PDB file of N, CA and C in Angstrom:
ATOM      1  N   UNK A   1      -1.893 109.447 124.113  1.00  0.00           N
ATOM      2  CA  UNK A   1      -0.916 108.745 124.898  1.00  0.00           C
ATOM      3  C   UNK A   1      -1.046 107.252 124.654  1.00  0.00           C
ATOM      4  N   UNK A   2       0.038 106.631 124.269  1.00  0.00           N
ATOM      5  CA  UNK A   2       0.035 105.199 124.011  1.00  0.00           C
ATOM      6  C   UNK A   2       0.359 104.438 125.283  1.00  0.00           C
ATOM      7  N   UNK A   3      -0.356 103.311 125.447  1.00  0.00           N
ATOM      8  CA  UNK A   3      -0.082 102.451 126.591  1.00  0.00           C
ATOM      9  C   UNK A   3       0.812 101.306 126.147  1.00  0.00           C
ATOM     10  N   UNK A   4       1.756 100.974 126.988  1.00  0.00           N
ATOM     11  CA  UNK A   4       2.629  99.841 126.696  1.00  0.00           C
ATOM     12  C   UNK A   4       1.891  98.552 126.996  1.00  0.00           C
ATOM     13  N   UNK A   5       2.064  97.577 126.117  1.00  0.00           N
ATOM     14  CA  UNK A   5       1.489  96.263 126.351  1.00  0.00           C
ATOM     15  C   UNK A   5       2.469  95.459 127.195  1.00  0.00           C
ATOM     16  N   UNK A   6       1.948  94.874 128.245  1.00  0.00           N
ATOM     17  CA  UNK A   6       2.791  94.053 129.107  1.00  0.00           C
ATOM     18  C   UNK A   6       2.549  92.584 128.818  1.00  0.00           C
ATOM     19  N   UNK A   7       3.619  91.840 128.844  1.00  0.00           N
ATOM     20  CA  UNK A   7       3.482  90.386 128.701  1.00  0.00           C
ATOM     21  C   UNK A   7       3.050  89.831 130.046  1.00  0.00           C
ATOM     22  N   UNK A   8       2.052  88.979 130.006  1.00  0.00           N
ATOM     23  CA  UNK A   8       1.589  88.328 131.218  1.00  0.00           C
ATOM     24  C   UNK A   8       2.333  87.010 131.354  1.00  0.00           C
ATOM     25  N   UNK A   9       2.890  86.796 132.511  1.00  0.00           N
ATOM     26  CA  UNK A   9       3.643  85.567 132.753  1.00  0.00           C
ATOM     27  C   UNK A   9       2.730  84.350 132.649  1.00  0.00           C
ATOM     28  N   UNK A  10       3.198  83.317 131.977  1.00  0.00           N
ATOM     29  CA  UNK A  10       2.438  82.077 131.843  1.00  0.00           C
ATOM     30  C   UNK A  10       2.736  81.126 132.994  1.00  0.00           C
ATOM     31  N   UNK A  11       3.645  81.514 133.865  1.00  0.00           N
ATOM     32  CA  UNK A  11       4.039  80.657 134.984  1.00  0.00           C
ATOM     33  C   UNK A  11       2.846  80.394 135.896  1.00  0.00           C
ATOM     34  N   UNK A  12       2.553  79.136 136.115  1.00  0.00           N
ATOM     35  CA  UNK A  12       1.459  78.756 137.001  1.00  0.00           C
ATOM     36  C   UNK A  12       0.089  78.843 136.367  1.00  0.00           C
ATOM     37  N   UNK A  13      -0.010  79.194 135.112  1.00  0.00           N
ATOM     38  CA  UNK A  13      -1.312  79.350 134.453  1.00  0.00           C
ATOM     39  C   UNK A  13      -2.003  78.033 134.178  1.00  0.00           C
ATOM     40  N   UNK A  14      -1.272  76.910 134.160  1.00  0.00           N
ATOM     41  CA  UNK A  14      -1.902  75.635 133.833  1.00  0.00           C
ATOM     42  C   UNK A  14      -2.684  75.053 135.012  1.00  0.00           C
ATOM     43  N   UNK A  15      -2.479  75.598 136.191  1.00  0.00           N
ATOM     44  CA  UNK A  15      -3.229  75.126 137.356  1.00  0.00           C
ATOM     45  C   UNK A  15      -4.551  75.871 137.430  1.00  0.00           C
ATOM     46  N   UNK A  16      -5.589  75.163 137.803  1.00  0.00           N
ATOM     47  CA  UNK A  16      -6.897  75.792 137.937  1.00  0.00           C
ATOM     48  C   UNK A  16      -7.352  75.681 139.380  1.00  0.00           C
ATOM     49  N   UNK A  17      -8.390  76.379 139.688  1.00  0.00           N
ATOM     50  CA  UNK A  17      -8.879  76.368 141.063  1.00  0.00           C
ATOM     51  C   UNK A  17      -9.556  75.047 141.391  1.00  0.00           C
ATOM     52  N   UNK A  18      -9.810  74.860 142.670  1.00  0.00           N
ATOM     53  CA  UNK A  18     -10.449  73.629 143.113  1.00  0.00           C
ATOM     54  C   UNK A  18     -11.962  73.666 142.914  1.00  0.00           C
ATOM     55  N   UNK A  19     -12.468  74.642 142.173  1.00  0.00           N
ATOM     56  CA  UNK A  19     -13.903  74.765 141.957  1.00  0.00           C
ATOM     57  C   UNK A  19     -14.400  73.981 140.742  1.00  0.00           C
ATOM     58  N   UNK A  20     -13.525  73.248 140.084  1.00  0.00           N
ATOM     59  CA  UNK A  20     -13.959  72.454 138.943  1.00  0.00           C
ATOM     60  C   UNK A  20     -14.904  71.357 139.417  1.00  0.00           C
ATOM     61  N   UNK A  21     -15.758  70.917 138.531  1.00  0.00           N
ATOM     62  CA  UNK A  21     -16.709  69.881 138.893  1.00  0.00           C
ATOM     63  C   UNK A  21     -16.181  68.507 138.510  1.00  0.00           C
ATOM     64  N   UNK A  22     -16.820  67.499 139.041  1.00  0.00           N
ATOM     65  CA  UNK A  22     -16.476  66.119 138.721  1.00  0.00           C
ATOM     66  C   UNK A  22     -17.766  65.318 138.699  1.00  0.00           C
ATOM     67  N   UNK A  23     -17.708  64.129 138.115  1.00  0.00           N
ATOM     68  CA  UNK A  23     -18.850  63.222 138.062  1.00  0.00           C
ATOM     69  C   UNK A  23     -18.463  61.913 138.733  1.00  0.00           C
ATOM     70  N   UNK A  24     -19.432  61.259 139.357  1.00  0.00           N
ATOM     71  CA  UNK A  24     -19.207  59.912 139.879  1.00  0.00           C
ATOM     72  C   UNK A  24     -20.106  58.975 139.092  1.00  0.00           C
ATOM     73  N   UNK A  25     -19.491  58.051 138.347  1.00  0.00           N
ATOM     74  CA  UNK A  25     -20.221  57.104 137.509  1.00  0.00           C
ATOM     75  C   UNK A  25     -19.750  55.696 137.855  1.00  0.00           C
ATOM     76  N   UNK A  26     -20.655  54.868 138.324  1.00  0.00           N
ATOM     77  CA  UNK A  26     -20.371  53.460 138.649  1.00  0.00           C
ATOM     78  C   UNK A  26     -19.145  53.299 139.548  1.00  0.00           C
ATOM     79  N   UNK A  27     -19.059  54.126 140.590  1.00  0.00           N
ATOM     80  CA  UNK A  27     -17.944  54.011 141.530  1.00  0.00           C
ATOM     81  C   UNK A  27     -16.653  54.645 141.068  1.00  0.00           C
ATOM     82  N   UNK A  28     -16.663  55.297 139.908  1.00  0.00           N
ATOM     83  CA  UNK A  28     -15.482  55.998 139.404  1.00  0.00           C
ATOM     84  C   UNK A  28     -15.719  57.500 139.408  1.00  0.00           C
ATOM     85  N   UNK A  29     -14.677  58.239 139.748  1.00  0.00           N
ATOM     86  CA  UNK A  29     -14.725  59.694 139.687  1.00  0.00           C
ATOM     87  C   UNK A  29     -14.152  60.105 138.332  1.00  0.00           C
ATOM     88  N   UNK A  30     -14.920  60.887 137.576  1.00  0.00           N
ATOM     89  CA  UNK A  30     -14.475  61.365 136.260  1.00  0.00           C
ATOM     90  C   UNK A  30     -14.195  62.861 136.386  1.00  0.00           C
ATOM     91  N   UNK A  31     -12.962  63.268 136.068  1.00  0.00           N
ATOM     92  CA  UNK A  31     -12.576  64.673 136.081  1.00  0.00           C
ATOM     93  C   UNK A  31     -12.057  65.048 134.702  1.00  0.00           C
ATOM     94  N   UNK A  32     -12.084  66.332 134.413  1.00  0.00           N
ATOM     95  CA  UNK A  32     -11.594  66.841 133.133  1.00  0.00           C
ATOM     96  C   UNK A  32     -10.417  67.760 133.399  1.00  0.00           C
ATOM     97  N   UNK A  33      -9.307  67.542 132.709  1.00  0.00           N
ATOM     98  CA  UNK A  33      -8.131  68.391 132.885  1.00  0.00           C
ATOM     99  C   UNK A  33      -8.411  69.762 132.271  1.00  0.00           C
ATOM    100  N   UNK A  34      -7.582  70.760 132.560  1.00  0.00           N
ATOM    101  CA  UNK A  34      -7.787  72.101 132.018  1.00  0.00           C
ATOM    102  C   UNK A  34      -7.821  72.150 130.490  1.00  0.00           C
ATOM    103  N   UNK A  35      -7.248  71.150 129.820  1.00  0.00           N
ATOM    104  CA  UNK A  35      -7.234  71.125 128.358  1.00  0.00           C
ATOM    105  C   UNK A  35      -8.358  70.270 127.782  1.00  0.00           C
ATOM    106  N   UNK A  36      -9.244  69.736 128.655  1.00  0.00           N
ATOM    107  CA  UNK A  36     -10.435  69.044 128.188  1.00  0.00           C
ATOM    108  C   UNK A  36     -10.368  67.526 128.123  1.00  0.00           C
ATOM    109  N   UNK A  37      -9.263  66.927 128.535  1.00  0.00           N
ATOM    110  CA  UNK A  37      -9.160  65.464 128.510  1.00  0.00           C
ATOM    111  C   UNK A  37      -9.850  64.869 129.728  1.00  0.00           C
ATOM    112  N   UNK A  38     -10.627  63.799 129.507  1.00  0.00           N
ATOM    113  CA  UNK A  38     -11.308  63.111 130.600  1.00  0.00           C
ATOM    114  C   UNK A  38     -10.350  62.135 131.272  1.00  0.00           C
ATOM    115  N   UNK A  39     -10.389  62.125 132.605  1.00  0.00           N
ATOM    116  CA  UNK A  39      -9.577  61.229 133.423  1.00  0.00           C
ATOM    117  C   UNK A  39     -10.507  60.538 134.409  1.00  0.00           C
ATOM    118  N   UNK A  40     -10.181  59.322 134.789  1.00  0.00           N
ATOM    119  CA  UNK A  40     -11.019  58.633 135.767  1.00  0.00           C
ATOM    120  C   UNK A  40     -10.155  58.000 136.849  1.00  0.00           C
ATOM    121  N   UNK A  41     -10.768  57.826 138.017  1.00  0.00           N
ATOM    122  CA  UNK A  41     -10.117  57.151 139.129  1.00  0.00           C
ATOM    123  C   UNK A  41     -11.187  56.448 139.931  1.00  0.00           C
ATOM    124  N   UNK A  42     -10.835  55.359 140.571  1.00  0.00           N
ATOM    125  CA  UNK A  42     -11.789  54.645 141.401  1.00  0.00           C
ATOM    126  C   UNK A  42     -11.994  55.435 142.691  1.00  0.00           C
ATOM    127  N   UNK A  43     -13.267  55.601 143.081  1.00  0.00           N
ATOM    128  CA  UNK A  43     -13.600  56.309 144.316  1.00  0.00           C
ATOM    129  C   UNK A  43     -13.373  55.372 145.489  1.00  0.00           C
ATOM    130  N   UNK A  44     -12.647  55.839 146.501  1.00  0.00           N
ATOM    131  CA  UNK A  44     -12.346  55.029 147.671  1.00  0.00           C
ATOM    132  C   UNK A  44     -13.317  55.353 148.805  1.00  0.00           C
ATOM    133  N   UNK A  45     -13.606  56.652 149.000  1.00  0.00           N
ATOM    134  CA  UNK A  45     -14.549  57.057 150.033  1.00  0.00           C
ATOM    135  C   UNK A  45     -15.143  58.416 149.689  1.00  0.00           C
ATOM    136  N   UNK A  46     -16.102  58.862 150.485  1.00  0.00           N
ATOM    137  CA  UNK A  46     -16.740  60.167 150.275  1.00  0.00           C
ATOM    138  C   UNK A  46     -15.920  61.305 150.863  1.00  0.00           C
ATOM    139  N   UNK A  47     -14.874  60.977 151.605  1.00  0.00           N
ATOM    140  CA  UNK A  47     -14.055  62.006 152.244  1.00  0.00           C
ATOM    141  C   UNK A  47     -13.444  62.916 151.174  1.00  0.00           C
ATOM    142  N   UNK A  48     -13.642  64.225 151.295  1.00  0.00           N
ATOM    143  CA  UNK A  48     -13.133  65.193 150.322  1.00  0.00           C
ATOM    144  C   UNK A  48     -11.675  65.532 150.628  1.00  0.00           C
ATOM    145  N   UNK A  49     -10.825  65.431 149.620  1.00  0.00           N
ATOM    146  CA  UNK A  49      -9.393  65.708 149.759  1.00  0.00           C
ATOM    147  C   UNK A  49      -8.954  66.610 148.613  1.00  0.00           C
ATOM    148  N   UNK A  50      -8.088  67.577 148.922  1.00  0.00           N
ATOM    149  CA  UNK A  50      -7.509  68.432 147.885  1.00  0.00           C
ATOM    150  C   UNK A  50      -6.344  67.684 147.248  1.00  0.00           C
ATOM    151  N   UNK A  51      -6.412  67.500 145.936  1.00  0.00           N
ATOM    152  CA  UNK A  51      -5.382  66.773 145.191  1.00  0.00           C
ATOM    153  C   UNK A  51      -4.644  67.705 144.237  1.00  0.00           C
ATOM    154  N   UNK A  52      -3.356  67.447 144.031  1.00  0.00           N
ATOM    155  CA  UNK A  52      -2.592  68.022 142.929  1.00  0.00           C
ATOM    156  C   UNK A  52      -2.567  66.927 141.877  1.00  0.00           C
ATOM    157  N   UNK A  53      -3.277  67.144 140.770  1.00  0.00           N
ATOM    158  CA  UNK A  53      -3.457  66.117 139.743  1.00  0.00           C
ATOM    159  C   UNK A  53      -2.619  66.411 138.509  1.00  0.00           C
ATOM    160  N   UNK A  54      -2.334  65.375 137.736  1.00  0.00           N
ATOM    161  CA  UNK A  54      -1.658  65.494 136.446  1.00  0.00           C
ATOM    162  C   UNK A  54      -2.464  64.667 135.456  1.00  0.00           C
ATOM    163  N   UNK A  55      -2.802  65.247 134.308  1.00  0.00           N
ATOM    164  CA  UNK A  55      -3.600  64.556 133.292  1.00  0.00           C
ATOM    165  C   UNK A  55      -2.936  63.236 132.905  1.00  0.00           C
ATOM    166  N   UNK A  56      -3.751  62.186 132.790  1.00  0.00           N
ATOM    167  CA  UNK A  56      -3.245  60.858 132.431  1.00  0.00           C
ATOM    168  C   UNK A  56      -3.011  60.702 130.927  1.00  0.00           C
ATOM    169  N   UNK A  57      -3.443  61.668 130.128  1.00  0.00           N
ATOM    170  CA  UNK A  57      -3.213  61.614 128.683  1.00  0.00           C
ATOM    171  C   UNK A  57      -1.718  61.824 128.426  1.00  0.00           C
ATOM    172  N   UNK A  58      -1.043  60.856 127.790  1.00  0.00           N
ATOM    173  CA  UNK A  58       0.405  60.947 127.595  1.00  0.00           C
ATOM    174  C   UNK A  58       0.869  62.181 126.828  1.00  0.00           C
ATOM    175  N   UNK A  59       0.050  62.718 125.959  1.00  0.00           N
ATOM    176  CA  UNK A  59       0.465  63.894 125.199  1.00  0.00           C
ATOM    177  C   UNK A  59       0.124  65.204 125.911  1.00  0.00           C
ATOM    178  N   UNK A  60      -0.519  65.133 127.059  1.00  0.00           N
ATOM    179  CA  UNK A  60      -0.966  66.335 127.769  1.00  0.00           C
ATOM    180  C   UNK A  60      -0.163  66.565 129.053  1.00  0.00           C
ATOM    181  N   UNK A  61      -0.402  65.723 130.055  1.00  0.00           N
ATOM    182  CA  UNK A  61       0.263  65.813 131.360  1.00  0.00           C
ATOM    183  C   UNK A  61       0.078  67.170 132.045  1.00  0.00           C
ATOM    184  N   UNK A  62      -1.045  67.857 131.792  1.00  0.00           N
ATOM    185  CA  UNK A  62      -1.319  69.162 132.408  1.00  0.00           C
ATOM    186  C   UNK A  62      -1.577  69.002 133.907  1.00  0.00           C
ATOM    187  N   UNK A  63      -0.940  69.847 134.732  1.00  0.00           N
ATOM    188  CA  UNK A  63      -1.190  69.791 136.175  1.00  0.00           C
ATOM    189  C   UNK A  63      -2.334  70.718 136.582  1.00  0.00           C
ATOM    190  N   UNK A  64      -3.088  70.347 137.614  1.00  0.00           N
ATOM    191  CA  UNK A  64      -4.107  71.211 138.199  1.00  0.00           C
ATOM    192  C   UNK A  64      -4.425  70.728 139.601  1.00  0.00           C
ATOM    193  N   UNK A  65      -5.131  71.534 140.359  1.00  0.00           N
ATOM    194  CA  UNK A  65      -5.534  71.181 141.717  1.00  0.00           C
ATOM    195  C   UNK A  65      -7.043  71.080 141.773  1.00  0.00           C
ATOM    196  N   UNK A  66      -7.539  70.124 142.538  1.00  0.00           N
ATOM    197  CA  UNK A  66      -8.987  69.940 142.641  1.00  0.00           C
ATOM    198  C   UNK A  66      -9.318  69.173 143.921  1.00  0.00           C
ATOM    199  N   UNK A  67     -10.444  69.516 144.530  1.00  0.00           N
ATOM    200  CA  UNK A  67     -10.929  68.790 145.700  1.00  0.00           C
ATOM    201  C   UNK A  67     -11.925  67.745 145.235  1.00  0.00           C
ATOM    202  N   UNK A  68     -11.659  66.482 145.580  1.00  0.00           N
ATOM    203  CA  UNK A  68     -12.450  65.336 145.136  1.00  0.00           C
ATOM    204  C   UNK A  68     -12.696  64.396 146.303  1.00  0.00           C
ATOM    205  N   UNK A  69     -13.659  63.475 146.142  1.00  0.00           N
ATOM    206  CA  UNK A  69     -13.729  62.384 147.106  1.00  0.00           C
ATOM    207  C   UNK A  69     -12.411  61.610 147.036  1.00  0.00           C
ATOM    208  N   UNK A  70     -12.073  60.899 148.077  1.00  0.00           N
ATOM    209  CA  UNK A  70     -10.813  60.160 148.083  1.00  0.00           C
ATOM    210  C   UNK A  70     -10.784  59.175 146.915  1.00  0.00           C
ATOM    211  N   UNK A  71      -9.686  59.196 146.128  1.00  0.00           N
ATOM    212  CA  UNK A  71      -9.576  58.396 144.908  1.00  0.00           C
ATOM    213  C   UNK A  71      -8.245  57.659 144.852  1.00  0.00           C
ATOM    214  N   UNK A  72      -8.177  56.705 143.918  1.00  0.00           N
ATOM    215  CA  UNK A  72      -6.901  56.109 143.535  1.00  0.00           C
ATOM    216  C   UNK A  72      -6.337  56.972 142.402  1.00  0.00           C
ATOM    217  N   UNK A  73      -5.200  56.661 141.832  1.00  0.00           N
ATOM    218  CA  UNK A  73      -4.565  57.444 140.781  1.00  0.00           C
ATOM    219  C   UNK A  73      -5.398  57.569 139.516  1.00  0.00           C
ATOM    220  N   UNK A  74      -5.121  58.604 138.744  1.00  0.00           N
ATOM    221  CA  UNK A  74      -5.867  58.857 137.510  1.00  0.00           C
ATOM    222  C   UNK A  74      -5.460  57.924 136.383  1.00  0.00           C
ATOM    223  N   UNK A  75      -6.452  57.584 135.545  1.00  0.00           N
ATOM    224  CA  UNK A  75      -6.236  56.806 134.333  1.00  0.00           C
ATOM    225  C   UNK A  75      -6.917  57.550 133.190  1.00  0.00           C
ATOM    226  N   UNK A  76      -6.405  57.357 131.994  1.00  0.00           N
ATOM    227  CA  UNK A  76      -7.016  57.971 130.808  1.00  0.00           C
ATOM    228  C   UNK A  76      -8.331  57.277 130.493  1.00  0.00           C
ATOM    229  N   UNK A  77      -9.345  58.070 130.145  1.00  0.00           N
ATOM    230  CA  UNK A  77     -10.653  57.500 129.774  1.00  0.00           C
ATOM    231  C   UNK A  77     -10.654  57.157 128.317  1.00  0.00           C
TER     232      UNK A  77
END
């Protein structure tokens, strides 16, 4: 008996869970987008906030969600 192959929808696949890690270096929060590009933002406080982020790399712009300390907007590293 042959099984049919189903196409898996790619809709929403570019978002990742909020379990990704981040680094704090010299007052900046460094995060990595799902495609591996490094992004940085200035840390404003230790308060943890769930963000909907978009990669700052002009050729990427991948969206994802992540919980981080309170930050300003992302910049390309």
